C-alpha cells in the first residue's frame, strides 16, 4: 500500500461514511493522519452501520444527515479539503420498484452536493463513486472507458446523470472532480443482510448460517475486486494531479463465472451447498450478461493496480464475517 502523505492533516468529508466503501476508506484515512468527517443517513436499506467504524470510532466525526438535505450539505462542505462522494442507492432491483427514491439519492442529491460546493467551496476536491452497471450489456470485453454507456435499469440511468453533473461542474465551475466506475467489490464491512449491495453478501451470509447459496443462472462472468484495492483507487483519485476531470474504470482484468465463484466460497469455507436456479424474469431483464473491466487507464495515469487475488479476497472476507456476522444480520 502507498503512504499518501497528501492526506496528512487534510480535512476529508465522506458521504455514505458508515457504509462499505466509506468505512474502509475512513479507517485508511485515519491511519494516514487525515481529519475525517463521516456523513450517513443510517437508512436501514443502504448499509450504514456504526460497527463498521469500530476501529476508529473515537478518531472520526460522524454527522447523521441525509445527502438529500441541501441545508446540512452547505454547512458540511464549507471547510473541507477533499470530498469522497460515496453515498448512493445501490440496488438495481430496488431502483426498478421504487425509481423515485433512486432518482432522489443518485441524481437529485448529487446536484445538491455540487451546488453546495459551487456556493461554499469551489476548491473542494470531489471523488464520485460510480458503477460499471451504466455500460449496460457489453459490446466487447474487457470494457474500457470508450465503451458506450447504455444503462439497463433506473439505477444506471441515475448514476450516469450523477456522473454527468460532476463532469459538468468541473468543466463550467472548475470544481476538481474525478469519477470512478467500480466493478463488483467484496470485503469486510460489506452488506450481507441481503443482496441490495452485492450478491456475494447474501451468499456469504447463507454460507456461514449453513444455508444454501442460490445461484441464478451461473454462467455469467464477473470480475471481483477487493475493498482494499478499491480504497487505493479512491486515495489516488483524491490526490493525483492526473485524476482531475477524468473518468476511470476500477476492476480486475480476470473474470470468473458466478457458479465458479460460489464453488470457491464453499471451498474456502470448507463446506456448503450450492443451488442453481433458473434466472428470474424480472432479473433477466436488467442483467448485463458477462462483464470484465479494462482498468489500463487508471493503471497508466495514476499508477493503480489490483493487488489482492480473488482467493485472498474470499479468505479475508470470510475471516472477518466469521468473527463479526452478528453485527451485520
C-alpha atoms as a PDB file:
ATOM      1  CA  UNK A   1       0.000   0.000   0.000  1.00  0.00           C
ATOM      2  CA  UNK A   2       1.128   3.541  -0.748  1.00  0.00           C
ATOM      3  CA  UNK A   3       1.802   6.042   2.015  1.00  0.00           C
ATOM      4  CA  UNK A   4      -0.127   9.046   0.583  1.00  0.00           C
ATOM      5  CA  UNK A   5       1.433  11.926   2.568  1.00  0.00           C
ATOM      6  CA  UNK A   6      -1.028  14.182   0.697  1.00  0.00           C
ATOM      7  CA  UNK A   7      -3.747  13.287   3.224  1.00  0.00           C
ATOM      8  CA  UNK A   8      -1.868  14.108   6.420  1.00  0.00           C
ATOM      9  CA  UNK A   9      -3.794  16.827   8.318  1.00  0.00           C
ATOM     10  CA  UNK A  10      -6.219  17.215   5.392  1.00  0.00           C
ATOM     11  CA  UNK A  11      -9.899  17.693   6.202  1.00  0.00           C
ATOM     12  CA  UNK A  12     -11.779  14.899   4.469  1.00  0.00           C
ATOM     13  CA  UNK A  13     -15.538  14.508   4.184  1.00  0.00           C
ATOM     14  CA  UNK A  14     -17.062  11.138   3.229  1.00  0.00           C
ATOM     15  CA  UNK A  15     -20.726  10.816   2.297  1.00  0.00           C
ATOM     16  CA  UNK A  16     -22.005   7.317   2.918  1.00  0.00           C
ATOM     17  CA  UNK A  17     -19.265   7.192   5.528  1.00  0.00           C
ATOM     18  CA  UNK A  18     -20.738   4.373   7.620  1.00  0.00           C
ATOM     19  CA  UNK A  19     -21.206   2.115   4.613  1.00  0.00           C
ATOM     20  CA  UNK A  20     -18.965  -0.471   2.978  1.00  0.00           C
ATOM     21  CA  UNK A  21     -16.688   1.786   0.919  1.00  0.00           C
ATOM     22  CA  UNK A  22     -16.902   4.772   3.249  1.00  0.00           C
ATOM     23  CA  UNK A  23     -15.916   2.974   6.442  1.00  0.00           C
ATOM     24  CA  UNK A  24     -12.970   1.137   4.900  1.00  0.00           C
ATOM     25  CA  UNK A  25     -11.786   4.399   3.364  1.00  0.00           C
ATOM     26  CA  UNK A  26     -12.199   6.192   6.699  1.00  0.00           C
ATOM     27  CA  UNK A  27     -10.088   3.618   8.538  1.00  0.00           C
ATOM     28  CA  UNK A  28      -7.315   4.013   5.988  1.00  0.00           C
ATOM     29  CA  UNK A  29      -7.503   7.819   6.058  1.00  0.00           C
ATOM     30  CA  UNK A  30      -7.191   7.895   9.841  1.00  0.00           C
ATOM     31  CA  UNK A  31      -4.019   5.814   9.532  1.00  0.00           C
ATOM     32  CA  UNK A  32      -2.736   8.445   7.082  1.00  0.00           C
ATOM     33  CA  UNK A  33      -3.338  11.270   9.561  1.00  0.00           C
ATOM     34  CA  UNK A  34      -6.389  12.820   7.914  1.00  0.00           C
ATOM     35  CA  UNK A  35      -9.108  14.672   9.817  1.00  0.00           C
ATOM     36  CA  UNK A  36     -12.164  12.680   8.817  1.00  0.00           C
ATOM     37  CA  UNK A  37     -15.850  13.586   8.963  1.00  0.00           C
ATOM     38  CA  UNK A  38     -18.421  10.969   8.002  1.00  0.00           C
ATOM     39  CA  UNK A  39     -21.912  11.722   6.765  1.00  0.00           C
ATOM     40  CA  UNK A  40     -24.518   8.968   6.726  1.00  0.00           C
ATOM     41  CA  UNK A  41     -28.302   8.819   6.885  1.00  0.00           C
ATOM     42  CA  UNK A  42     -28.315   5.359   8.510  1.00  0.00           C
ATOM     43  CA  UNK A  43     -31.392   4.488   6.440  1.00  0.00           C
ATOM     44  CA  UNK A  44     -31.653   0.710   7.067  1.00  0.00           C
ATOM     45  CA  UNK A  45     -31.750  -0.290   3.396  1.00  0.00           C
ATOM     46  CA  UNK A  46     -28.470   1.420   2.476  1.00  0.00           C
ATOM     47  CA  UNK A  47     -25.810  -0.358   4.524  1.00  0.00           C
ATOM     48  CA  UNK A  48     -24.672   2.216   7.092  1.00  0.00           C
ATOM     49  CA  UNK A  49     -23.508   0.534  10.295  1.00  0.00           C
ATOM     50  CA  UNK A  50     -21.732   2.091  13.282  1.00  0.00           C
ATOM     51  CA  UNK A  51     -19.850  -1.169  13.861  1.00  0.00           C
ATOM     52  CA  UNK A  52     -18.087  -0.562  10.536  1.00  0.00           C
ATOM     53  CA  UNK A  53     -16.032   2.228  12.095  1.00  0.00           C
ATOM     54  CA  UNK A  54     -15.395   0.495  15.421  1.00  0.00           C
ATOM     55  CA  UNK A  55     -11.579   0.615  14.925  1.00  0.00           C
ATOM     56  CA  UNK A  56     -11.627   4.418  14.507  1.00  0.00           C
ATOM     57  CA  UNK A  57     -14.809   5.418  16.343  1.00  0.00           C
ATOM     58  CA  UNK A  58     -13.000   7.923  18.560  1.00  0.00           C
ATOM     59  CA  UNK A  59     -10.840   9.273  15.732  1.00  0.00           C
ATOM     60  CA  UNK A  60     -13.554  10.487  13.335  1.00  0.00           C
ATOM     61  CA  UNK A  61     -16.513  12.853  13.437  1.00  0.00           C
ATOM     62  CA  UNK A  62     -19.904  11.430  12.494  1.00  0.00           C
ATOM     63  CA  UNK A  63     -22.795  13.533  11.210  1.00  0.00           C
ATOM     64  CA  UNK A  64     -26.115  11.700  10.844  1.00  0.00           C
ATOM     65  CA  UNK A  65     -27.572  13.511   7.863  1.00  0.00           C
ATOM     66  CA  UNK A  66     -29.164  12.752   4.514  1.00  0.00           C
ATOM     67  CA  UNK A  67     -27.404  13.869   1.326  1.00  0.00           C
ATOM     68  CA  UNK A  68     -30.841  14.967   0.101  1.00  0.00           C
ATOM     69  CA  UNK A  69     -30.788  17.786   2.682  1.00  0.00           C
ATOM     70  CA  UNK A  70     -29.177  20.810   0.978  1.00  0.00           C
ATOM     71  CA  UNK A  71     -29.009  22.840   4.200  1.00  0.00           C
ATOM     72  CA  UNK A  72     -26.777  20.390   6.064  1.00  0.00           C
ATOM     73  CA  UNK A  73     -24.585  19.974   2.971  1.00  0.00           C
ATOM     74  CA  UNK A  74     -23.789  23.686   2.849  1.00  0.00           C
ATOM     75  CA  UNK A  75     -22.516  23.520   6.418  1.00  0.00           C
ATOM     76  CA  UNK A  76     -20.597  20.286   5.891  1.00  0.00           C
ATOM     77  CA  UNK A  77     -18.622  21.178   2.748  1.00  0.00           C
ATOM     78  CA  UNK A  78     -17.527  24.715   3.546  1.00  0.00           C
ATOM     79  CA  UNK A  79     -14.229  23.959   5.349  1.00  0.00           C
ATOM     80  CA  UNK A  80     -13.242  20.626   3.805  1.00  0.00           C
ATOM     81  CA  UNK A  81     -10.282  19.854   1.529  1.00  0.00           C
ATOM     82  CA  UNK A  82     -11.485  16.620  -0.079  1.00  0.00           C
ATOM     83  CA  UNK A  83     -14.919  15.070  -0.515  1.00  0.00           C
ATOM     84  CA  UNK A  84     -15.361  11.378  -1.235  1.00  0.00           C
ATOM     85  CA  UNK A  85     -18.911  11.262  -2.521  1.00  0.00           C
ATOM     86  CA  UNK A  86     -19.857   7.636  -1.865  1.00  0.00           C
ATOM     87  CA  UNK A  87     -23.486   7.851  -0.728  1.00  0.00           C
ATOM     88  CA  UNK A  88     -25.930   6.115  -3.018  1.00  0.00           C
ATOM     89  CA  UNK A  89     -28.754   3.662  -3.540  1.00  0.00           C
ATOM     90  CA  UNK A  90     -27.061   0.561  -4.942  1.00  0.00           C
ATOM     91  CA  UNK A  91     -29.833  -1.977  -5.508  1.00  0.00           C
ATOM     92  CA  UNK A  92     -30.709  -2.415  -9.168  1.00  0.00           C
ATOM     93  CA  UNK A  93     -33.964  -4.196  -8.377  1.00  0.00           C
ATOM     94  CA  UNK A  94     -34.997  -1.551  -5.825  1.00  0.00           C
ATOM     95  CA  UNK A  95     -34.414   1.134  -8.425  1.00  0.00           C
ATOM     96  CA  UNK A  96     -36.974  -0.519 -10.686  1.00  0.00           C
ATOM     97  CA  UNK A  97     -39.528  -0.985  -7.898  1.00  0.00           C
ATOM     98  CA  UNK A  98     -39.052   2.496  -6.385  1.00  0.00           C
ATOM     99  CA  UNK A  99     -37.493   4.653  -9.113  1.00  0.00           C
ATOM    100  CA  UNK A 100     -38.290   7.968  -7.436  1.00  0.00           C
ATOM    101  CA  UNK A 101     -36.194   7.221  -4.361  1.00  0.00           C
ATOM    102  CA  UNK A 102     -33.318   6.176  -6.598  1.00  0.00           C
ATOM    103  CA  UNK A 103     -33.741   9.435  -8.506  1.00  0.00           C
ATOM    104  CA  UNK A 104     -33.622  11.465  -5.292  1.00  0.00           C
ATOM    105  CA  UNK A 105     -30.456   9.820  -3.939  1.00  0.00           C
ATOM    106  CA  UNK A 106     -28.419   9.034  -7.053  1.00  0.00           C
ATOM    107  CA  UNK A 107     -29.345  12.059  -9.126  1.00  0.00           C
ATOM    108  CA  UNK A 108     -31.007  14.986  -7.357  1.00  0.00           C
ATOM    109  CA  UNK A 109     -28.842  14.691  -4.239  1.00  0.00           C
ATOM    110  CA  UNK A 110     -25.690  14.758  -6.397  1.00  0.00           C
ATOM    111  CA  UNK A 111     -26.778  18.054  -7.856  1.00  0.00           C
ATOM    112  CA  UNK A 112     -27.392  19.408  -4.354  1.00  0.00           C
ATOM    113  CA  UNK A 113     -23.918  18.339  -3.249  1.00  0.00           C
ATOM    114  CA  UNK A 114     -22.286  20.029  -6.219  1.00  0.00           C
ATOM    115  CA  UNK A 115     -24.348  23.171  -5.734  1.00  0.00           C
ATOM    116  CA  UNK A 116     -23.166  23.300  -2.131  1.00  0.00           C
ATOM    117  CA  UNK A 117     -19.588  23.053  -3.420  1.00  0.00           C
ATOM    118  CA  UNK A 118     -20.192  25.766  -6.034  1.00  0.00           C
ATOM    119  CA  UNK A 119     -21.616  28.171  -3.486  1.00  0.00           C
ATOM    120  CA  UNK A 120     -19.431  27.417  -0.485  1.00  0.00           C
ATOM    121  CA  UNK A 121     -16.207  25.654  -1.521  1.00  0.00           C
ATOM    122  CA  UNK A 122     -15.302  25.595  -5.213  1.00  0.00           C
ATOM    123  CA  UNK A 123     -11.787  24.352  -4.445  1.00  0.00           C
ATOM    124  CA  UNK A 124     -13.095  21.208  -2.768  1.00  0.00           C
ATOM    125  CA  UNK A 125     -11.681  18.145  -4.492  1.00  0.00           C
ATOM    126  CA  UNK A 126     -14.505  15.694  -5.184  1.00  0.00           C
ATOM    127  CA  UNK A 127     -14.260  11.962  -5.939  1.00  0.00           C
ATOM    128  CA  UNK A 128     -17.514  10.386  -7.091  1.00  0.00           C
ATOM    129  CA  UNK A 129     -18.104   6.628  -6.810  1.00  0.00           C
ATOM    130  CA  UNK A 130     -19.971   5.344  -9.848  1.00  0.00           C
ATOM    131  CA  UNK A 131     -20.615   1.880 -11.241  1.00  0.00           C
ATOM    132  CA  UNK A 132     -19.791  -0.374 -14.189  1.00  0.00           C
ATOM    133  CA  UNK A 133     -23.556  -1.014 -14.448  1.00  0.00           C
ATOM    134  CA  UNK A 134     -24.068   2.086 -16.582  1.00  0.00           C
ATOM    135  CA  UNK A 135     -22.295   0.451 -19.532  1.00  0.00           C
ATOM    136  CA  UNK A 136     -25.257  -1.886 -19.878  1.00  0.00           C
ATOM    137  CA  UNK A 137     -24.784  -5.098 -21.844  1.00  0.00           C
ATOM    138  CA  UNK A 138     -21.146  -5.099 -23.017  1.00  0.00           C
ATOM    139  CA  UNK A 139     -20.485  -4.975 -26.744  1.00  0.00           C
ATOM    140  CA  UNK A 140     -16.939  -6.213 -26.123  1.00  0.00           C
ATOM    141  CA  UNK A 141     -14.746  -7.441 -23.275  1.00  0.00           C
ATOM    142  CA  UNK A 142     -12.922  -6.206 -21.357  1.00  0.00           C
ATOM    143  CA  UNK A 143     -14.900  -2.962 -21.108  1.00  0.00           C
ATOM    144  CA  UNK A 144     -12.874   0.257 -21.306  1.00  0.00           C
ATOM    145  CA  UNK A 145     -13.929   3.864 -20.801  1.00  0.00           C
ATOM    146  CA  UNK A 146     -14.619   4.295 -24.535  1.00  0.00           C
ATOM    147  CA  UNK A 147     -17.394   1.716 -24.422  1.00  0.00           C
ATOM    148  CA  UNK A 148     -20.859   3.155 -24.994  1.00  0.00           C
ATOM    149  CA  UNK A 149     -22.966   3.874 -21.915  1.00  0.00           C
ATOM    150  CA  UNK A 150     -26.442   2.401 -22.137  1.00  0.00           C
ATOM    151  CA  UNK A 151     -27.852   1.565 -18.685  1.00  0.00           C
ATOM    152  CA  UNK A 152     -30.348  -1.265 -18.415  1.00  0.00           C
ATOM    153  CA  UNK A 153     -32.057  -0.074 -15.225  1.00  0.00           C
ATOM    154  CA  UNK A 154     -33.117   3.091 -13.398  1.00  0.00           C
ATOM    155  CA  UNK A 155     -30.106   2.870 -11.072  1.00  0.00           C
ATOM    156  CA  UNK A 156     -27.711   3.039 -14.020  1.00  0.00           C
ATOM    157  CA  UNK A 157     -29.570   5.952 -15.609  1.00  0.00           C
ATOM    158  CA  UNK A 158     -29.439   7.971 -12.398  1.00  0.00           C
ATOM    159  CA  UNK A 159     -25.798   7.128 -11.669  1.00  0.00           C
ATOM    160  CA  UNK A 160     -24.942   8.289 -15.186  1.00  0.00           C
ATOM    161  CA  UNK A 161     -26.743  11.562 -14.527  1.00  0.00           C
ATOM    162  CA  UNK A 162     -24.769  11.918 -11.287  1.00  0.00           C
ATOM    163  CA  UNK A 163     -21.569  11.389 -13.256  1.00  0.00           C
ATOM    164  CA  UNK A 164     -22.566  13.998 -15.819  1.00  0.00           C
ATOM    165  CA  UNK A 165     -23.257  16.561 -13.103  1.00  0.00           C
ATOM    166  CA  UNK A 166     -19.777  16.014 -11.662  1.00  0.00           C
ATOM    167  CA  UNK A 167     -18.163  16.343 -15.089  1.00  0.00           C
ATOM    168  CA  UNK A 168     -20.193  19.466 -15.869  1.00  0.00           C
ATOM    169  CA  UNK A 169     -19.326  21.236 -12.610  1.00  0.00           C
ATOM    170  CA  UNK A 170     -15.645  20.661 -13.357  1.00  0.00           C
ATOM    171  CA  UNK A 171     -15.969  21.989 -16.902  1.00  0.00           C
ATOM    172  CA  UNK A 172     -18.085  25.038 -16.018  1.00  0.00           C
ATOM    173  CA  UNK A 173     -17.078  25.936 -12.455  1.00  0.00           C
ATOM    174  CA  UNK A 174     -13.646  24.351 -12.155  1.00  0.00           C
ATOM    175  CA  UNK A 175     -14.591  22.149  -9.203  1.00  0.00           C
ATOM    176  CA  UNK A 176     -11.876  19.444  -9.316  1.00  0.00           C
ATOM    177  CA  UNK A 177     -13.891  16.257  -9.705  1.00  0.00           C
ATOM    178  CA  UNK A 178     -12.948  12.684 -10.551  1.00  0.00           C
ATOM    179  CA  UNK A 179     -15.255   9.759 -11.334  1.00  0.00           C
ATOM    180  CA  UNK A 180     -14.506   6.102 -10.604  1.00  0.00           C
ATOM    181  CA  UNK A 181     -16.607   3.324 -12.129  1.00  0.00           C
ATOM    182  CA  UNK A 182     -16.313   0.329  -9.799  1.00  0.00           C
ATOM    183  CA  UNK A 183     -16.914  -3.309 -10.605  1.00  0.00           C
ATOM    184  CA  UNK A 184     -18.291  -5.851  -8.088  1.00  0.00           C
ATOM    185  CA  UNK A 185     -16.399  -5.285  -4.845  1.00  0.00           C
ATOM    186  CA  UNK A 186     -16.220  -7.532  -1.782  1.00  0.00           C
ATOM    187  CA  UNK A 187     -14.566  -7.428   1.614  1.00  0.00           C
ATOM    188  CA  UNK A 188     -15.058  -6.650   5.300  1.00  0.00           C
ATOM    189  CA  UNK A 189     -17.956  -4.319   6.162  1.00  0.00           C
ATOM    190  CA  UNK A 190     -19.988  -5.025   3.022  1.00  0.00           C
ATOM    191  CA  UNK A 191     -23.728  -5.505   3.445  1.00  0.00           C
ATOM    192  CA  UNK A 192     -24.560  -9.196   3.965  1.00  0.00           C
ATOM    193  CA  UNK A 193     -28.100  -8.828   5.274  1.00  0.00           C
ATOM    194  CA  UNK A 194     -29.463  -9.129   1.738  1.00  0.00           C
ATOM    195  CA  UNK A 195     -28.400  -8.698  -1.899  1.00  0.00           C
ATOM    196  CA  UNK A 196     -29.029  -4.929  -2.066  1.00  0.00           C
ATOM    197  CA  UNK A 197     -25.336  -4.065  -2.238  1.00  0.00           C
ATOM    198  CA  UNK A 198     -23.771  -7.176  -3.758  1.00  0.00           C
ATOM    199  CA  UNK A 199     -24.974 -10.699  -4.431  1.00  0.00           C
ATOM    200  CA  UNK A 200     -21.834 -12.021  -2.751  1.00  0.00           C
ATOM    201  CA  UNK A 201     -23.052 -10.590   0.554  1.00  0.00           C
ATOM    202  CA  UNK A 202     -26.127 -12.776   0.823  1.00  0.00           C
ATOM    203  CA  UNK A 203     -24.147 -15.761  -0.469  1.00  0.00           C
ATOM    204  CA  UNK A 204     -21.651 -15.303   2.323  1.00  0.00           C
ATOM    205  CA  UNK A 205     -24.324 -14.920   4.988  1.00  0.00           C
ATOM    206  CA  UNK A 206     -26.118 -18.061   3.844  1.00  0.00           C
ATOM    207  CA  UNK A 207     -22.841 -19.962   3.781  1.00  0.00           C
ATOM    208  CA  UNK A 208     -21.972 -19.011   7.360  1.00  0.00           C
ATOM    209  CA  UNK A 209     -25.502 -19.743   8.566  1.00  0.00           C
ATOM    210  CA  UNK A 210     -25.492 -23.193   6.969  1.00  0.00           C
ATOM    211  CA  UNK A 211     -27.991 -22.310   4.253  1.00  0.00           C
ATOM    212  CA  UNK A 212     -27.603 -22.998   0.512  1.00  0.00           C
ATOM    213  CA  UNK A 213     -26.047 -20.431  -1.822  1.00  0.00           C
ATOM    214  CA  UNK A 214     -28.634 -19.710  -4.507  1.00  0.00           C
ATOM    215  CA  UNK A 215     -27.010 -19.075  -7.885  1.00  0.00           C
ATOM    216  CA  UNK A 216     -29.265 -17.599 -10.558  1.00  0.00           C
ATOM    217  CA  UNK A 217     -28.073 -18.794 -13.944  1.00  0.00           C
ATOM    218  CA  UNK A 218     -24.427 -19.285 -13.027  1.00  0.00           C
ATOM    219  CA  UNK A 219     -22.681 -18.918 -16.365  1.00  0.00           C
ATOM    220  CA  UNK A 220     -22.410 -15.102 -16.222  1.00  0.00           C
ATOM    221  CA  UNK A 221     -18.846 -13.819 -15.918  1.00  0.00           C
ATOM    222  CA  UNK A 222     -17.864 -11.118 -13.409  1.00  0.00           C
ATOM    223  CA  UNK A 223     -14.602  -9.596 -12.188  1.00  0.00           C
ATOM    224  CA  UNK A 224     -14.379  -9.305  -8.416  1.00  0.00           C
ATOM    225  CA  UNK A 225     -12.396  -6.518  -6.711  1.00  0.00           C
ATOM    226  CA  UNK A 226     -11.240  -6.495  -3.082  1.00  0.00           C
ATOM    227  CA  UNK A 227     -12.126  -3.465  -0.981  1.00  0.00           C
ATOM    228  CA  UNK A 228      -8.509  -2.583  -0.121  1.00  0.00           C
ATOM    229  CA  UNK A 229      -7.746  -2.199  -3.826  1.00  0.00           C
ATOM    230  CA  UNK A 230     -10.876  -0.063  -4.235  1.00  0.00           C
ATOM    231  CA  UNK A 231      -9.755   2.188  -1.361  1.00  0.00           C
ATOM    232  CA  UNK A 232      -6.340   2.571  -3.004  1.00  0.00           C
ATOM    233  CA  UNK A 233      -8.033   3.835  -6.177  1.00  0.00           C
ATOM    234  CA  UNK A 234     -10.090   6.335  -4.181  1.00  0.00           C
ATOM    235  CA  UNK A 235      -6.982   7.721  -2.490  1.00  0.00           C
ATOM    236  CA  UNK A 236      -5.227   8.113  -5.836  1.00  0.00           C
ATOM    237  CA  UNK A 237      -8.299   9.803  -7.329  1.00  0.00           C
ATOM    238  CA  UNK A 238      -8.311  12.249  -4.415  1.00  0.00           C
ATOM    239  CA  UNK A 239      -4.634  13.140  -4.593  1.00  0.00           C
ATOM    240  CA  UNK A 240      -3.063  12.511  -8.025  1.00  0.00           C
ATOM    241  CA  UNK A 241      -2.909  15.558 -10.333  1.00  0.00           C
ATOM    242  CA  UNK A 242      -3.768  13.406 -13.352  1.00  0.00           C
ATOM    243  CA  UNK A 243      -7.122  12.435 -11.817  1.00  0.00           C
ATOM    244  CA  UNK A 244      -8.865  15.820 -12.033  1.00  0.00           C
ATOM    245  CA  UNK A 245     -11.640  15.948 -14.596  1.00  0.00           C
ATOM    246  CA  UNK A 246     -11.241  12.278 -15.502  1.00  0.00           C
ATOM    247  CA  UNK A 247     -13.313   9.084 -15.519  1.00  0.00           C
ATOM    248  CA  UNK A 248     -11.641   5.761 -14.677  1.00  0.00           C
ATOM    249  CA  UNK A 249     -12.750   2.145 -14.594  1.00  0.00           C
ATOM    250  CA  UNK A 250     -11.711   0.268 -11.460  1.00  0.00           C
ATOM    251  CA  UNK A 251     -11.779  -3.519 -11.611  1.00  0.00           C
ATOM    252  CA  UNK A 252      -9.867  -6.648 -12.466  1.00  0.00           C
ATOM    253  CA  UNK A 253      -8.796  -7.951 -15.848  1.00  0.00           C
ATOM    254  CA  UNK A 254      -9.623 -11.542 -14.898  1.00  0.00           C
ATOM    255  CA  UNK A 255     -13.196 -12.801 -14.638  1.00  0.00           C
ATOM    256  CA  UNK A 256     -14.965 -15.786 -13.122  1.00  0.00           C
ATOM    257  CA  UNK A 257     -18.376 -17.366 -13.640  1.00  0.00           C
ATOM    258  CA  UNK A 258     -20.888 -16.946 -10.835  1.00  0.00           C
ATOM    259  CA  UNK A 259     -21.057 -20.699 -10.342  1.00  0.00           C
ATOM    260  CA  UNK A 260     -17.268 -20.990 -10.103  1.00  0.00           C
ATOM    261  CA  UNK A 261     -17.243 -18.089  -7.627  1.00  0.00           C
ATOM    262  CA  UNK A 262     -19.821 -19.859  -5.476  1.00  0.00           C
ATOM    263  CA  UNK A 263     -17.696 -23.004  -5.606  1.00  0.00           C
ATOM    264  CA  UNK A 264     -14.658 -21.018  -4.451  1.00  0.00           C
ATOM    265  CA  UNK A 265     -16.638 -19.666  -1.487  1.00  0.00           C
ATOM    266  CA  UNK A 266     -17.741 -23.152  -0.498  1.00  0.00           C
ATOM    267  CA  UNK A 267     -14.188 -24.473  -0.791  1.00  0.00           C
ATOM    268  CA  UNK A 268     -12.755 -21.614   1.287  1.00  0.00           C
ATOM    269  CA  UNK A 269     -15.433 -22.277   3.919  1.00  0.00           C
ATOM    270  CA  UNK A 270     -14.604 -25.997   3.916  1.00  0.00           C
ATOM    271  CA  UNK A 271     -18.196 -26.863   3.117  1.00  0.00           C
ATOM    272  CA  UNK A 272     -21.554 -25.582   1.958  1.00  0.00           C
ATOM    273  CA  UNK A 273     -24.361 -26.187  -0.516  1.00  0.00           C
ATOM    274  CA  UNK A 274     -24.996 -24.561  -3.890  1.00  0.00           C
ATOM    275  CA  UNK A 275     -28.406 -24.493  -5.564  1.00  0.00           C
ATOM    276  CA  UNK A 276     -28.529 -23.366  -9.205  1.00  0.00           C
ATOM    277  CA  UNK A 277     -31.849 -21.828 -10.254  1.00  0.00           C
ATOM    278  CA  UNK A 278     -33.290 -20.525 -13.491  1.00  0.00           C
ATOM    279  CA  UNK A 279     -32.733 -16.807 -13.897  1.00  0.00           C
ATOM    280  CA  UNK A 280     -35.906 -14.943 -12.772  1.00  0.00           C
ATOM    281  CA  UNK A 281     -37.644 -12.934 -15.491  1.00  0.00           C
ATOM    282  CA  UNK A 282     -37.515  -9.644 -13.550  1.00  0.00           C
ATOM    283  CA  UNK A 283     -33.760 -10.018 -13.030  1.00  0.00           C
ATOM    284  CA  UNK A 284     -33.003 -11.209 -16.541  1.00  0.00           C
ATOM    285  CA  UNK A 285     -34.460  -8.017 -17.992  1.00  0.00           C
ATOM    286  CA  UNK A 286     -31.836  -5.903 -16.220  1.00  0.00           C
ATOM    287  CA  UNK A 287     -28.931  -8.369 -16.252  1.00  0.00           C
ATOM    288  CA  UNK A 288     -25.905  -7.210 -18.255  1.00  0.00           C
ATOM    289  CA  UNK A 289     -24.546 -10.664 -19.105  1.00  0.00           C
ATOM    290  CA  UNK A 290     -20.775 -11.153 -18.941  1.00  0.00           C
ATOM    291  CA  UNK A 291     -18.578  -8.313 -17.681  1.00  0.00           C
ATOM    292  CA  UNK A 292     -14.828  -7.803 -17.261  1.00  0.00           C
ATOM    293  CA  UNK A 293     -13.102  -4.478 -16.611  1.00  0.00           C
ATOM    294  CA  UNK A 294     -10.320  -2.851 -18.585  1.00  0.00           C
ATOM    295  CA  UNK A 295      -8.517  -0.775 -15.928  1.00  0.00           C
ATOM    296  CA  UNK A 296      -5.486   0.068 -18.039  1.00  0.00           C
ATOM    297  CA  UNK A 297      -6.271   3.802 -17.992  1.00  0.00           C
ATOM    298  CA  UNK A 298      -6.125   4.202 -14.213  1.00  0.00           C
ATOM    299  CA  UNK A 299      -3.085   1.946 -14.165  1.00  0.00           C
ATOM    300  CA  UNK A 300      -1.182   4.102 -16.649  1.00  0.00           C
ATOM    301  CA  UNK A 301      -2.417   7.519 -15.475  1.00  0.00           C
ATOM    302  CA  UNK A 302      -2.488   7.094 -11.688  1.00  0.00           C
ATOM    303  CA  UNK A 303      -0.300   4.034 -11.111  1.00  0.00           C
ATOM    304  CA  UNK A 304      -3.095   1.956  -9.603  1.00  0.00           C
ATOM    305  CA  UNK A 305      -3.248  -1.831  -9.766  1.00  0.00           C
ATOM    306  CA  UNK A 306      -5.344  -4.554  -8.177  1.00  0.00           C
ATOM    307  CA  UNK A 307      -3.049  -6.443  -5.827  1.00  0.00           C
ATOM    308  CA  UNK A 308      -5.263  -8.760  -3.778  1.00  0.00           C
ATOM    309  CA  UNK A 309      -6.050 -12.050  -5.513  1.00  0.00           C
ATOM    310  CA  UNK A 310      -9.579 -13.415  -5.580  1.00  0.00           C
ATOM    311  CA  UNK A 311      -8.643 -16.323  -3.320  1.00  0.00           C
ATOM    312  CA  UNK A 312      -7.135 -13.947  -0.756  1.00  0.00           C
ATOM    313  CA  UNK A 313     -10.152 -11.630  -1.031  1.00  0.00           C
ATOM    314  CA  UNK A 314     -12.504 -14.513  -0.284  1.00  0.00           C
ATOM    315  CA  UNK A 315     -10.357 -15.769   2.610  1.00  0.00           C
ATOM    316  CA  UNK A 316     -10.082 -12.337   4.254  1.00  0.00           C
ATOM    317  CA  UNK A 317     -13.793 -11.629   3.841  1.00  0.00           C
ATOM    318  CA  UNK A 318     -14.824 -14.979   5.296  1.00  0.00           C
ATOM    319  CA  UNK A 319     -12.456 -14.489   8.231  1.00  0.00           C
ATOM    320  CA  UNK A 320     -13.989 -11.093   9.025  1.00  0.00           C
ATOM    321  CA  UNK A 321     -17.576 -12.324   8.984  1.00  0.00           C
ATOM    322  CA  UNK A 322     -16.842 -15.471  10.960  1.00  0.00           C
ATOM    323  CA  UNK A 323     -15.873 -13.100  13.779  1.00  0.00           C
ATOM    324  CA  UNK A 324     -18.439 -10.367  13.222  1.00  0.00           C
ATOM    325  CA  UNK A 325     -21.523 -11.754  11.457  1.00  0.00           C
ATOM    326  CA  UNK A 326     -23.800 -10.919  14.389  1.00  0.00           C
ATOM    327  CA  UNK A 327     -23.177  -7.194  13.819  1.00  0.00           C
ATOM    328  CA  UNK A 328     -24.474  -7.391  10.230  1.00  0.00           C
ATOM    329  CA  UNK A 329     -27.603  -9.542  10.314  1.00  0.00           C
END
